[in-house]
């Protein structure tokens, strides 16, 4: 009996979907062109600021950048286990980090699609891993935005005007409500019903939502420290140390959160970087800010690629990834 099953053919891409993809790619090209032109026109100054970073600073920034995604996969595993699928860190890393490369494709949920297909080979129901993938994006973006709100006044007013504290508190409360487990469970049920899918076997627990959010927050903070160790090396000597820490760490969280919500471009390319430049230029020249942002983006991509390779190799070396289907041909060998 053959073990090969017939999988349903993927739905045809509608004309509207193709147009949206073309627009996304076009927007991405425009953003990258604008960034390239700005970098080219300021290259002489940027090159000098890049030299000022130094090997020790770059190594420190790289270490923080590599550590950040590991905390993210821990949050993803918490959500997956809470819904009924516990994965060892090795196959979990393979599924999550290899899938993460999908975020660099034009579109909004390619990383979730890849993770869903890979996790299915490990016995995780597709709708469960898809829900966890979307939850991971949503909770990560929300925690990043909440922790990045202290930098919002700097972004909106360039530090010239003080925004009332109660307005930030209102935004924090509004975003925090979206992390409320009963609301998240209602949204999951509603989404699955609209898609014509069966409901999940388990509801999310408050403990899992809280713990995963803490892991995501820690991931953001470590990523922000990667920016800060570079920013303090190229900032002027008279720069305000506390304000520099605010725009580098909290500003990174705010910029990354905005970038995650901007599903028009893959991985928030250009959006996150533009917001970071605006924030950093309140404490340093634009050439220095550009140097930090360019290296930060490179380290983000490097971390994604390195962890994707490590996740796959680790799972493979522990024989935890499913191998090819066995040959069930009953004909005896001669």
C-alpha atoms as a PDB file:
ATOM      1  CA  UNK A   1       0.000   0.000   0.000  1.00  0.00           C
ATOM      2  CA  UNK A   2       1.439   3.335  -1.013  1.00  0.00           C
ATOM      3  CA  UNK A   3       1.929   5.942   1.629  1.00  0.00           C
ATOM      4  CA  UNK A   4       1.838   8.764  -0.826  1.00  0.00           C
ATOM      5  CA  UNK A   5      -1.276  10.838  -0.340  1.00  0.00           C
ATOM      6  CA  UNK A   6      -2.770  13.402  -2.605  1.00  0.00           C
ATOM      7  CA  UNK A   7      -2.550  16.820  -1.049  1.00  0.00           C
ATOM      8  CA  UNK A   8      -5.079  19.436  -2.034  1.00  0.00           C
ATOM      9  CA  UNK A   9      -3.872  21.802  -4.696  1.00  0.00           C
ATOM     10  CA  UNK A  10      -3.235  25.329  -3.486  1.00  0.00           C
ATOM     11  CA  UNK A  11      -5.954  27.765  -4.426  1.00  0.00           C
ATOM     12  CA  UNK A  12      -5.466  29.872  -7.503  1.00  0.00           C
ATOM     13  CA  UNK A  13      -4.149  33.304  -6.804  1.00  0.00           C
ATOM     14  CA  UNK A  14      -6.795  35.857  -7.641  1.00  0.00           C
ATOM     15  CA  UNK A  15      -6.082  38.826  -9.861  1.00  0.00           C
ATOM     16  CA  UNK A  16      -6.492  41.115  -6.871  1.00  0.00           C
ATOM     17  CA  UNK A  17      -3.917  39.124  -4.888  1.00  0.00           C
ATOM     18  CA  UNK A  18      -1.446  39.320  -7.748  1.00  0.00           C
ATOM     19  CA  UNK A  19      -1.954  43.076  -8.021  1.00  0.00           C
ATOM     20  CA  UNK A  20      -1.372  43.477  -4.266  1.00  0.00           C
ATOM     21  CA  UNK A  21       1.831  41.448  -4.484  1.00  0.00           C
ATOM     22  CA  UNK A  22       3.054  43.597  -7.383  1.00  0.00           C
ATOM     23  CA  UNK A  23       2.277  46.730  -5.347  1.00  0.00           C
ATOM     24  CA  UNK A  24       4.131  45.310  -2.328  1.00  0.00           C
ATOM     25  CA  UNK A  25       7.174  44.506  -4.433  1.00  0.00           C
ATOM     26  CA  UNK A  26       7.023  47.920  -6.074  1.00  0.00           C
ATOM     27  CA  UNK A  27       6.769  49.652  -2.703  1.00  0.00           C
ATOM     28  CA  UNK A  28       9.699  47.612  -1.414  1.00  0.00           C
ATOM     29  CA  UNK A  29      11.798  48.589  -4.441  1.00  0.00           C
ATOM     30  CA  UNK A  30      10.979  52.268  -3.885  1.00  0.00           C
ATOM     31  CA  UNK A  31      11.864  52.023  -0.168  1.00  0.00           C
ATOM     32  CA  UNK A  32      15.153  50.245  -0.864  1.00  0.00           C
ATOM     33  CA  UNK A  33      16.001  52.720  -3.621  1.00  0.00           C
ATOM     34  CA  UNK A  34      15.373  55.652  -1.270  1.00  0.00           C
ATOM     35  CA  UNK A  35      17.522  54.049   1.421  1.00  0.00           C
ATOM     36  CA  UNK A  36      20.247  53.309  -1.136  1.00  0.00           C
ATOM     37  CA  UNK A  37      20.253  56.887  -2.445  1.00  0.00           C
ATOM     38  CA  UNK A  38      20.435  58.309   1.082  1.00  0.00           C
ATOM     39  CA  UNK A  39      23.254  55.929   1.953  1.00  0.00           C
ATOM     40  CA  UNK A  40      25.157  56.738  -1.248  1.00  0.00           C
ATOM     41  CA  UNK A  41      24.852  60.493  -0.813  1.00  0.00           C
ATOM     42  CA  UNK A  42      26.156  60.313   2.766  1.00  0.00           C
ATOM     43  CA  UNK A  43      28.593  57.443   2.236  1.00  0.00           C
ATOM     44  CA  UNK A  44      31.756  59.386   3.037  1.00  0.00           C
ATOM     45  CA  UNK A  45      30.430  60.324   6.496  1.00  0.00           C
ATOM     46  CA  UNK A  46      28.768  56.949   7.059  1.00  0.00           C
ATOM     47  CA  UNK A  47      32.012  55.116   6.251  1.00  0.00           C
ATOM     48  CA  UNK A  48      33.838  57.129   8.884  1.00  0.00           C
ATOM     49  CA  UNK A  49      31.172  56.329  11.491  1.00  0.00           C
ATOM     50  CA  UNK A  50      31.326  52.647  10.596  1.00  0.00           C
ATOM     51  CA  UNK A  51      35.069  52.675  11.334  1.00  0.00           C
ATOM     52  CA  UNK A  52      34.363  54.209  14.740  1.00  0.00           C
ATOM     53  CA  UNK A  53      32.265  51.238  15.806  1.00  0.00           C
ATOM     54  CA  UNK A  54      35.316  49.056  16.350  1.00  0.00           C
ATOM     55  CA  UNK A  55      35.591  45.264  16.618  1.00  0.00           C
ATOM     56  CA  UNK A  56      34.643  45.013  20.317  1.00  0.00           C
ATOM     57  CA  UNK A  57      31.468  47.006  19.778  1.00  0.00           C
ATOM     58  CA  UNK A  58      30.544  44.991  16.693  1.00  0.00           C
ATOM     59  CA  UNK A  59      31.126  41.713  18.530  1.00  0.00           C
ATOM     60  CA  UNK A  60      28.940  42.877  21.436  1.00  0.00           C
ATOM     61  CA  UNK A  61      26.192  44.040  19.077  1.00  0.00           C
ATOM     62  CA  UNK A  62      26.375  40.752  17.183  1.00  0.00           C
ATOM     63  CA  UNK A  63      26.095  38.734  20.402  1.00  0.00           C
ATOM     64  CA  UNK A  64      22.961  40.637  21.459  1.00  0.00           C
ATOM     65  CA  UNK A  65      21.477  40.329  17.958  1.00  0.00           C
ATOM     66  CA  UNK A  66      22.048  36.558  17.966  1.00  0.00           C
ATOM     67  CA  UNK A  67      20.551  36.146  21.441  1.00  0.00           C
ATOM     68  CA  UNK A  68      17.341  38.014  20.619  1.00  0.00           C
ATOM     69  CA  UNK A  69      15.719  35.401  18.303  1.00  0.00           C
ATOM     70  CA  UNK A  70      16.379  32.598  20.810  1.00  0.00           C
ATOM     71  CA  UNK A  71      14.040  34.244  23.322  1.00  0.00           C
ATOM     72  CA  UNK A  72      11.422  34.548  20.592  1.00  0.00           C
ATOM     73  CA  UNK A  73      11.380  30.808  19.899  1.00  0.00           C
ATOM     74  CA  UNK A  74      10.962  30.188  23.634  1.00  0.00           C
ATOM     75  CA  UNK A  75       7.790  32.287  23.584  1.00  0.00           C
ATOM     76  CA  UNK A  76       6.561  30.439  20.489  1.00  0.00           C
ATOM     77  CA  UNK A  77       7.124  27.074  22.223  1.00  0.00           C
ATOM     78  CA  UNK A  78       5.156  28.227  25.287  1.00  0.00           C
ATOM     79  CA  UNK A  79       2.114  29.025  23.133  1.00  0.00           C
ATOM     80  CA  UNK A  80       2.395  25.779  21.172  1.00  0.00           C
ATOM     81  CA  UNK A  81       2.708  23.675  24.346  1.00  0.00           C
ATOM     82  CA  UNK A  82      -0.224  25.472  25.956  1.00  0.00           C
ATOM     83  CA  UNK A  83      -2.430  24.489  23.006  1.00  0.00           C
ATOM     84  CA  UNK A  84      -1.371  20.838  23.225  1.00  0.00           C
ATOM     85  CA  UNK A  85       1.865  20.316  21.238  1.00  0.00           C
ATOM     86  CA  UNK A  86       5.147  20.118  23.128  1.00  0.00           C
ATOM     87  CA  UNK A  87       8.264  20.175  20.975  1.00  0.00           C
ATOM     88  CA  UNK A  88      11.851  19.655  22.053  1.00  0.00           C
ATOM     89  CA  UNK A  89      13.958  22.764  21.539  1.00  0.00           C
ATOM     90  CA  UNK A  90      15.776  21.143  18.585  1.00  0.00           C
ATOM     91  CA  UNK A  91      12.819  20.490  16.257  1.00  0.00           C
ATOM     92  CA  UNK A  92      11.141  23.639  17.567  1.00  0.00           C
ATOM     93  CA  UNK A  93      14.186  25.651  16.495  1.00  0.00           C
ATOM     94  CA  UNK A  94      14.182  23.989  13.101  1.00  0.00           C
ATOM     95  CA  UNK A  95      10.496  24.730  12.508  1.00  0.00           C
ATOM     96  CA  UNK A  96      10.523  28.260  13.881  1.00  0.00           C
ATOM     97  CA  UNK A  97      13.805  29.594  12.550  1.00  0.00           C
ATOM     98  CA  UNK A  98      13.636  28.050   9.088  1.00  0.00           C
ATOM     99  CA  UNK A  99      10.062  29.307   8.851  1.00  0.00           C
ATOM    100  CA  UNK A 100      11.184  32.778   9.922  1.00  0.00           C
ATOM    101  CA  UNK A 101      13.034  33.175   6.640  1.00  0.00           C
ATOM    102  CA  UNK A 102       9.610  33.348   4.998  1.00  0.00           C
ATOM    103  CA  UNK A 103       9.101  36.833   6.407  1.00  0.00           C
ATOM    104  CA  UNK A 104      11.551  38.166   3.827  1.00  0.00           C
ATOM    105  CA  UNK A 105       9.175  37.205   0.999  1.00  0.00           C
ATOM    106  CA  UNK A 106       6.623  39.771  -0.218  1.00  0.00           C
ATOM    107  CA  UNK A 107       3.351  39.117   1.577  1.00  0.00           C
ATOM    108  CA  UNK A 108       2.195  39.013   5.152  1.00  0.00           C
ATOM    109  CA  UNK A 109       2.166  35.460   6.562  1.00  0.00           C
ATOM    110  CA  UNK A 110       4.698  33.393   4.598  1.00  0.00           C
ATOM    111  CA  UNK A 111       6.617  32.568   7.772  1.00  0.00           C
ATOM    112  CA  UNK A 112       3.438  31.103   9.293  1.00  0.00           C
ATOM    113  CA  UNK A 113       2.782  29.055   6.151  1.00  0.00           C
ATOM    114  CA  UNK A 114       6.279  27.553   6.213  1.00  0.00           C
ATOM    115  CA  UNK A 115       6.131  26.832   9.960  1.00  0.00           C
ATOM    116  CA  UNK A 116       2.712  25.191   9.578  1.00  0.00           C
ATOM    117  CA  UNK A 117       3.901  22.801   6.879  1.00  0.00           C
ATOM    118  CA  UNK A 118       7.100  21.899   8.747  1.00  0.00           C
ATOM    119  CA  UNK A 119       5.328  21.385  12.078  1.00  0.00           C
ATOM    120  CA  UNK A 120       2.768  19.109  10.411  1.00  0.00           C
ATOM    121  CA  UNK A 121       5.602  16.634   9.720  1.00  0.00           C
ATOM    122  CA  UNK A 122       6.192  16.496  13.474  1.00  0.00           C
ATOM    123  CA  UNK A 123       2.561  15.700  14.230  1.00  0.00           C
ATOM    124  CA  UNK A 124       1.374  19.216  15.065  1.00  0.00           C
ATOM    125  CA  UNK A 125      -2.104  19.936  13.645  1.00  0.00           C
ATOM    126  CA  UNK A 126      -1.920  22.594  10.959  1.00  0.00           C
ATOM    127  CA  UNK A 127      -4.575  24.847  12.430  1.00  0.00           C
ATOM    128  CA  UNK A 128      -2.813  24.752  15.820  1.00  0.00           C
ATOM    129  CA  UNK A 129       0.598  25.756  14.457  1.00  0.00           C
ATOM    130  CA  UNK A 130      -1.006  28.374  12.192  1.00  0.00           C
ATOM    131  CA  UNK A 131      -2.825  29.939  15.142  1.00  0.00           C
ATOM    132  CA  UNK A 132       0.385  29.914  17.201  1.00  0.00           C
ATOM    133  CA  UNK A 133       2.324  31.493  14.338  1.00  0.00           C
ATOM    134  CA  UNK A 134      -0.185  34.336  14.025  1.00  0.00           C
ATOM    135  CA  UNK A 135      -0.327  34.732  17.815  1.00  0.00           C
ATOM    136  CA  UNK A 136       3.458  34.936  17.936  1.00  0.00           C
ATOM    137  CA  UNK A 137       3.437  37.797  15.437  1.00  0.00           C
ATOM    138  CA  UNK A 138       0.606  39.619  17.220  1.00  0.00           C
ATOM    139  CA  UNK A 139       1.916  39.244  20.780  1.00  0.00           C
ATOM    140  CA  UNK A 140       5.462  40.069  19.738  1.00  0.00           C
ATOM    141  CA  UNK A 141       4.320  43.231  17.953  1.00  0.00           C
ATOM    142  CA  UNK A 142       2.099  44.290  20.859  1.00  0.00           C
ATOM    143  CA  UNK A 143       4.776  43.777  23.509  1.00  0.00           C
ATOM    144  CA  UNK A 144       7.280  45.648  21.357  1.00  0.00           C
ATOM    145  CA  UNK A 145       4.888  48.553  20.864  1.00  0.00           C
ATOM    146  CA  UNK A 146       4.029  48.754  24.576  1.00  0.00           C
ATOM    147  CA  UNK A 147       7.673  48.738  25.656  1.00  0.00           C
ATOM    148  CA  UNK A 148       8.521  51.183  22.879  1.00  0.00           C
ATOM    149  CA  UNK A 149       5.922  53.787  23.853  1.00  0.00           C
ATOM    150  CA  UNK A 150       8.343  55.816  26.036  1.00  0.00           C
ATOM    151  CA  UNK A 151      10.129  56.754  22.789  1.00  0.00           C
ATOM    152  CA  UNK A 152       6.904  57.865  21.063  1.00  0.00           C
ATOM    153  CA  UNK A 153       7.077  61.505  22.274  1.00  0.00           C
ATOM    154  CA  UNK A 154      10.587  61.770  20.841  1.00  0.00           C
ATOM    155  CA  UNK A 155       9.383  60.420  17.508  1.00  0.00           C
ATOM    156  CA  UNK A 156       6.331  62.703  17.325  1.00  0.00           C
ATOM    157  CA  UNK A 157       7.834  65.935  18.622  1.00  0.00           C
ATOM    158  CA  UNK A 158      11.582  65.375  18.107  1.00  0.00           C
ATOM    159  CA  UNK A 159      11.921  65.910  21.873  1.00  0.00           C
ATOM    160  CA  UNK A 160      10.756  69.532  21.761  1.00  0.00           C
ATOM    161  CA  UNK A 161       7.359  68.985  23.377  1.00  0.00           C
ATOM    162  CA  UNK A 162       6.271  66.927  26.352  1.00  0.00           C
ATOM    163  CA  UNK A 163       3.303  64.625  25.736  1.00  0.00           C
ATOM    164  CA  UNK A 164       1.048  64.168  28.796  1.00  0.00           C
ATOM    165  CA  UNK A 165       1.843  60.945  30.619  1.00  0.00           C
ATOM    166  CA  UNK A 166      -1.818  59.992  30.796  1.00  0.00           C
ATOM    167  CA  UNK A 167      -2.040  59.842  26.988  1.00  0.00           C
ATOM    168  CA  UNK A 168       0.734  57.232  26.906  1.00  0.00           C
ATOM    169  CA  UNK A 169      -1.000  55.364  29.724  1.00  0.00           C
ATOM    170  CA  UNK A 170      -4.210  55.248  27.692  1.00  0.00           C
ATOM    171  CA  UNK A 171      -2.334  53.776  24.733  1.00  0.00           C
ATOM    172  CA  UNK A 172      -0.667  51.193  26.988  1.00  0.00           C
ATOM    173  CA  UNK A 173      -4.047  50.181  28.445  1.00  0.00           C
ATOM    174  CA  UNK A 174      -5.594  49.958  24.962  1.00  0.00           C
ATOM    175  CA  UNK A 175      -2.776  47.737  23.687  1.00  0.00           C
ATOM    176  CA  UNK A 176      -2.724  45.748  26.926  1.00  0.00           C
ATOM    177  CA  UNK A 177      -6.403  44.863  26.538  1.00  0.00           C
ATOM    178  CA  UNK A 178      -5.502  43.063  23.307  1.00  0.00           C
ATOM    179  CA  UNK A 179      -3.301  40.738  25.393  1.00  0.00           C
ATOM    180  CA  UNK A 180      -6.260  39.703  27.586  1.00  0.00           C
ATOM    181  CA  UNK A 181      -6.590  35.890  27.234  1.00  0.00           C
ATOM    182  CA  UNK A 182     -10.426  35.755  27.007  1.00  0.00           C
ATOM    183  CA  UNK A 183     -10.291  38.288  24.168  1.00  0.00           C
ATOM    184  CA  UNK A 184      -7.515  36.355  22.420  1.00  0.00           C
ATOM    185  CA  UNK A 185      -9.493  33.096  22.712  1.00  0.00           C
ATOM    186  CA  UNK A 186     -12.617  34.787  21.370  1.00  0.00           C
ATOM    187  CA  UNK A 187     -10.619  36.115  18.413  1.00  0.00           C
ATOM    188  CA  UNK A 188      -9.159  32.662  17.700  1.00  0.00           C
ATOM    189  CA  UNK A 189     -12.605  31.031  17.742  1.00  0.00           C
ATOM    190  CA  UNK A 190     -14.025  33.748  15.536  1.00  0.00           C
ATOM    191  CA  UNK A 191     -11.188  33.498  13.011  1.00  0.00           C
ATOM    192  CA  UNK A 192     -11.434  29.700  12.756  1.00  0.00           C
ATOM    193  CA  UNK A 193     -15.207  29.908  12.354  1.00  0.00           C
ATOM    194  CA  UNK A 194     -14.861  32.414   9.525  1.00  0.00           C
ATOM    195  CA  UNK A 195     -12.319  30.143   7.831  1.00  0.00           C
ATOM    196  CA  UNK A 196     -14.609  27.138   8.209  1.00  0.00           C
ATOM    197  CA  UNK A 197     -12.152  25.316  10.493  1.00  0.00           C
ATOM    198  CA  UNK A 198     -12.809  23.279  13.617  1.00  0.00           C
ATOM    199  CA  UNK A 199     -12.127  25.067  16.924  1.00  0.00           C
ATOM    200  CA  UNK A 200      -8.954  24.340  18.843  1.00  0.00           C
ATOM    201  CA  UNK A 201      -8.984  21.567  21.432  1.00  0.00           C
ATOM    202  CA  UNK A 202      -7.705  23.910  24.146  1.00  0.00           C
ATOM    203  CA  UNK A 203      -8.043  27.573  24.988  1.00  0.00           C
ATOM    204  CA  UNK A 204      -5.045  29.736  25.779  1.00  0.00           C
ATOM    205  CA  UNK A 205      -4.337  30.096  29.489  1.00  0.00           C
ATOM    206  CA  UNK A 206      -3.395  33.405  31.135  1.00  0.00           C
ATOM    207  CA  UNK A 207      -0.119  31.864  32.329  1.00  0.00           C
ATOM    208  CA  UNK A 208       0.940  30.983  28.774  1.00  0.00           C
ATOM    209  CA  UNK A 209       0.014  34.404  27.409  1.00  0.00           C
ATOM    210  CA  UNK A 210       1.924  36.105  30.216  1.00  0.00           C
ATOM    211  CA  UNK A 211       5.026  33.905  29.974  1.00  0.00           C
ATOM    212  CA  UNK A 212       5.234  34.087  26.170  1.00  0.00           C
ATOM    213  CA  UNK A 213       4.803  37.874  26.303  1.00  0.00           C
ATOM    214  CA  UNK A 214       7.699  38.079  28.776  1.00  0.00           C
ATOM    215  CA  UNK A 215       9.911  36.044  26.434  1.00  0.00           C
ATOM    216  CA  UNK A 216       8.958  38.303  23.511  1.00  0.00           C
ATOM    217  CA  UNK A 217       9.656  41.405  25.596  1.00  0.00           C
ATOM    218  CA  UNK A 218      13.062  40.060  26.613  1.00  0.00           C
ATOM    219  CA  UNK A 219      13.826  39.353  22.956  1.00  0.00           C
ATOM    220  CA  UNK A 220      13.015  42.962  22.066  1.00  0.00           C
ATOM    221  CA  UNK A 221      15.081  44.393  24.904  1.00  0.00           C
ATOM    222  CA  UNK A 222      18.139  42.361  23.943  1.00  0.00           C
ATOM    223  CA  UNK A 223      17.729  43.496  20.328  1.00  0.00           C
ATOM    224  CA  UNK A 224      17.542  47.088  21.559  1.00  0.00           C
ATOM    225  CA  UNK A 225      20.773  46.641  23.490  1.00  0.00           C
ATOM    226  CA  UNK A 226      22.424  45.595  20.228  1.00  0.00           C
ATOM    227  CA  UNK A 227      21.519  49.005  18.812  1.00  0.00           C
ATOM    228  CA  UNK A 228      22.528  50.838  21.981  1.00  0.00           C
ATOM    229  CA  UNK A 229      26.078  49.460  22.174  1.00  0.00           C
ATOM    230  CA  UNK A 230      26.663  50.784  18.644  1.00  0.00           C
ATOM    231  CA  UNK A 231      24.856  54.097  19.156  1.00  0.00           C
ATOM    232  CA  UNK A 232      26.890  55.051  22.205  1.00  0.00           C
ATOM    233  CA  UNK A 233      30.122  54.599  20.214  1.00  0.00           C
ATOM    234  CA  UNK A 234      29.177  57.008  17.428  1.00  0.00           C
ATOM    235  CA  UNK A 235      27.130  59.541  19.432  1.00  0.00           C
ATOM    236  CA  UNK A 236      28.763  62.905  20.249  1.00  0.00           C
ATOM    237  CA  UNK A 237      30.535  63.171  23.590  1.00  0.00           C
ATOM    238  CA  UNK A 238      27.940  65.669  24.852  1.00  0.00           C
ATOM    239  CA  UNK A 239      24.957  63.420  24.032  1.00  0.00           C
ATOM    240  CA  UNK A 240      22.535  62.807  26.898  1.00  0.00           C
ATOM    241  CA  UNK A 241      23.267  59.230  28.059  1.00  0.00           C
ATOM    242  CA  UNK A 242      19.762  58.547  29.374  1.00  0.00           C
ATOM    243  CA  UNK A 243      18.092  59.975  26.258  1.00  0.00           C
ATOM    244  CA  UNK A 244      20.458  57.957  24.058  1.00  0.00           C
ATOM    245  CA  UNK A 245      19.484  54.775  25.945  1.00  0.00           C
ATOM    246  CA  UNK A 246      15.808  55.675  25.487  1.00  0.00           C
ATOM    247  CA  UNK A 247      15.951  56.240  21.719  1.00  0.00           C
ATOM    248  CA  UNK A 248      18.244  53.253  21.147  1.00  0.00           C
ATOM    249  CA  UNK A 249      16.443  50.590  23.198  1.00  0.00           C
ATOM    250  CA  UNK A 250      12.861  51.795  23.560  1.00  0.00           C
ATOM    251  CA  UNK A 251      13.094  53.417  20.138  1.00  0.00           C
ATOM    252  CA  UNK A 252      14.191  50.139  18.592  1.00  0.00           C
ATOM    253  CA  UNK A 253      11.175  48.397  20.129  1.00  0.00           C
ATOM    254  CA  UNK A 254       8.843  51.094  18.828  1.00  0.00           C
ATOM    255  CA  UNK A 255      10.367  51.011  15.353  1.00  0.00           C
ATOM    256  CA  UNK A 256      10.312  47.210  15.183  1.00  0.00           C
ATOM    257  CA  UNK A 257       6.703  47.093  16.381  1.00  0.00           C
ATOM    258  CA  UNK A 258       5.652  49.607  13.730  1.00  0.00           C
ATOM    259  CA  UNK A 259       7.590  47.599  11.156  1.00  0.00           C
ATOM    260  CA  UNK A 260       5.775  44.377  12.112  1.00  0.00           C
ATOM    261  CA  UNK A 261       2.388  46.059  11.685  1.00  0.00           C
ATOM    262  CA  UNK A 262       3.413  47.341   8.246  1.00  0.00           C
ATOM    263  CA  UNK A 263       2.665  44.099   6.390  1.00  0.00           C
ATOM    264  CA  UNK A 264       3.056  45.878   3.049  1.00  0.00           C
ATOM    265  CA  UNK A 265       6.800  45.216   2.985  1.00  0.00           C
ATOM    266  CA  UNK A 266       8.571  41.990   4.011  1.00  0.00           C
ATOM    267  CA  UNK A 267      10.157  42.004   7.475  1.00  0.00           C
ATOM    268  CA  UNK A 268       9.314  45.707   7.842  1.00  0.00           C
ATOM    269  CA  UNK A 269      12.280  46.589   5.617  1.00  0.00           C
ATOM    270  CA  UNK A 270      12.616  50.356   5.349  1.00  0.00           C
ATOM    271  CA  UNK A 271       9.841  51.138   7.826  1.00  0.00           C
ATOM    272  CA  UNK A 272      11.712  50.049  10.946  1.00  0.00           C
ATOM    273  CA  UNK A 273      14.938  51.534   9.635  1.00  0.00           C
ATOM    274  CA  UNK A 274      13.365  54.887   8.801  1.00  0.00           C
ATOM    275  CA  UNK A 275      11.781  55.225  12.249  1.00  0.00           C
ATOM    276  CA  UNK A 276      15.078  54.319  13.905  1.00  0.00           C
ATOM    277  CA  UNK A 277      16.958  56.947  11.910  1.00  0.00           C
ATOM    278  CA  UNK A 278      14.414  59.595  12.922  1.00  0.00           C
ATOM    279  CA  UNK A 279      14.837  58.685  16.586  1.00  0.00           C
ATOM    280  CA  UNK A 280      18.621  58.364  16.581  1.00  0.00           C
ATOM    281  CA  UNK A 281      19.151  61.696  14.801  1.00  0.00           C
ATOM    282  CA  UNK A 282      17.821  63.437  17.908  1.00  0.00           C
ATOM    283  CA  UNK A 283      21.099  62.421  19.576  1.00  0.00           C
ATOM    284  CA  UNK A 284      23.618  62.145  16.730  1.00  0.00           C
ATOM    285  CA  UNK A 285      24.297  63.263  13.129  1.00  0.00           C
ATOM    286  CA  UNK A 286      22.353  61.526  10.376  1.00  0.00           C
ATOM    287  CA  UNK A 287      25.501  59.825   9.064  1.00  0.00           C
ATOM    288  CA  UNK A 288      26.087  58.196  12.450  1.00  0.00           C
ATOM    289  CA  UNK A 289      22.425  57.187  12.748  1.00  0.00           C
ATOM    290  CA  UNK A 290      22.548  55.699   9.256  1.00  0.00           C
ATOM    291  CA  UNK A 291      25.662  53.698  10.094  1.00  0.00           C
ATOM    292  CA  UNK A 292      23.996  52.222  13.200  1.00  0.00           C
ATOM    293  CA  UNK A 293      20.774  51.385  11.339  1.00  0.00           C
ATOM    294  CA  UNK A 294      22.589  49.765   8.399  1.00  0.00           C
ATOM    295  CA  UNK A 295      24.639  47.530  10.709  1.00  0.00           C
ATOM    296  CA  UNK A 296      21.572  46.753  12.863  1.00  0.00           C
ATOM    297  CA  UNK A 297      19.632  45.588   9.801  1.00  0.00           C
ATOM    298  CA  UNK A 298      22.567  43.455   8.660  1.00  0.00           C
ATOM    299  CA  UNK A 299      22.857  41.841  12.096  1.00  0.00           C
ATOM    300  CA  UNK A 300      19.120  41.088  12.119  1.00  0.00           C
ATOM    301  CA  UNK A 301      19.366  39.256   8.797  1.00  0.00           C
ATOM    302  CA  UNK A 302      22.563  37.519   9.924  1.00  0.00           C
ATOM    303  CA  UNK A 303      20.874  36.299  13.118  1.00  0.00           C
ATOM    304  CA  UNK A 304      17.881  34.945  11.169  1.00  0.00           C
ATOM    305  CA  UNK A 305      20.133  33.038   8.754  1.00  0.00           C
ATOM    306  CA  UNK A 306      22.471  31.700  11.471  1.00  0.00           C
ATOM    307  CA  UNK A 307      19.608  30.485  13.664  1.00  0.00           C
ATOM    308  CA  UNK A 308      17.840  28.907  10.687  1.00  0.00           C
ATOM    309  CA  UNK A 309      21.006  26.936   9.917  1.00  0.00           C
ATOM    310  CA  UNK A 310      21.602  25.979  13.559  1.00  0.00           C
ATOM    311  CA  UNK A 311      17.982  24.932  14.062  1.00  0.00           C
ATOM    312  CA  UNK A 312      18.016  22.642  11.051  1.00  0.00           C
ATOM    313  CA  UNK A 313      21.434  21.137  11.833  1.00  0.00           C
ATOM    314  CA  UNK A 314      20.660  20.630  15.524  1.00  0.00           C
ATOM    315  CA  UNK A 315      17.379  18.857  14.856  1.00  0.00           C
ATOM    316  CA  UNK A 316      19.001  16.752  12.138  1.00  0.00           C
ATOM    317  CA  UNK A 317      21.927  15.696  14.349  1.00  0.00           C
ATOM    318  CA  UNK A 318      19.510  14.590  17.090  1.00  0.00           C
ATOM    319  CA  UNK A 319      17.415  12.596  14.605  1.00  0.00           C
ATOM    320  CA  UNK A 320      14.379  14.591  15.633  1.00  0.00           C
ATOM    321  CA  UNK A 321      13.321  15.730  12.197  1.00  0.00           C
ATOM    322  CA  UNK A 322      11.165  13.282  10.232  1.00  0.00           C
ATOM    323  CA  UNK A 323      13.077  11.403   7.576  1.00  0.00           C
ATOM    324  CA  UNK A 324      11.821  10.123   4.239  1.00  0.00           C
ATOM    325  CA  UNK A 325       8.844   7.797   4.276  1.00  0.00           C
ATOM    326  CA  UNK A 326       9.860   4.129   4.575  1.00  0.00           C
ATOM    327  CA  UNK A 327       9.532   1.807   1.581  1.00  0.00           C
ATOM    328  CA  UNK A 328       6.523  -0.404   2.278  1.00  0.00           C
ATOM    329  CA  UNK A 329       6.762  -2.432  -0.911  1.00  0.00           C
ATOM    330  CA  UNK A 330       5.864  -6.010   0.215  1.00  0.00           C
ATOM    331  CA  UNK A 331       7.936  -7.609  -2.571  1.00  0.00           C
ATOM    332  CA  UNK A 332      10.791  -9.534  -0.882  1.00  0.00           C
ATOM    333  CA  UNK A 333      14.284  -8.653  -1.875  1.00  0.00           C
ATOM    334  CA  UNK A 334      16.262 -11.306  -3.740  1.00  0.00           C
END
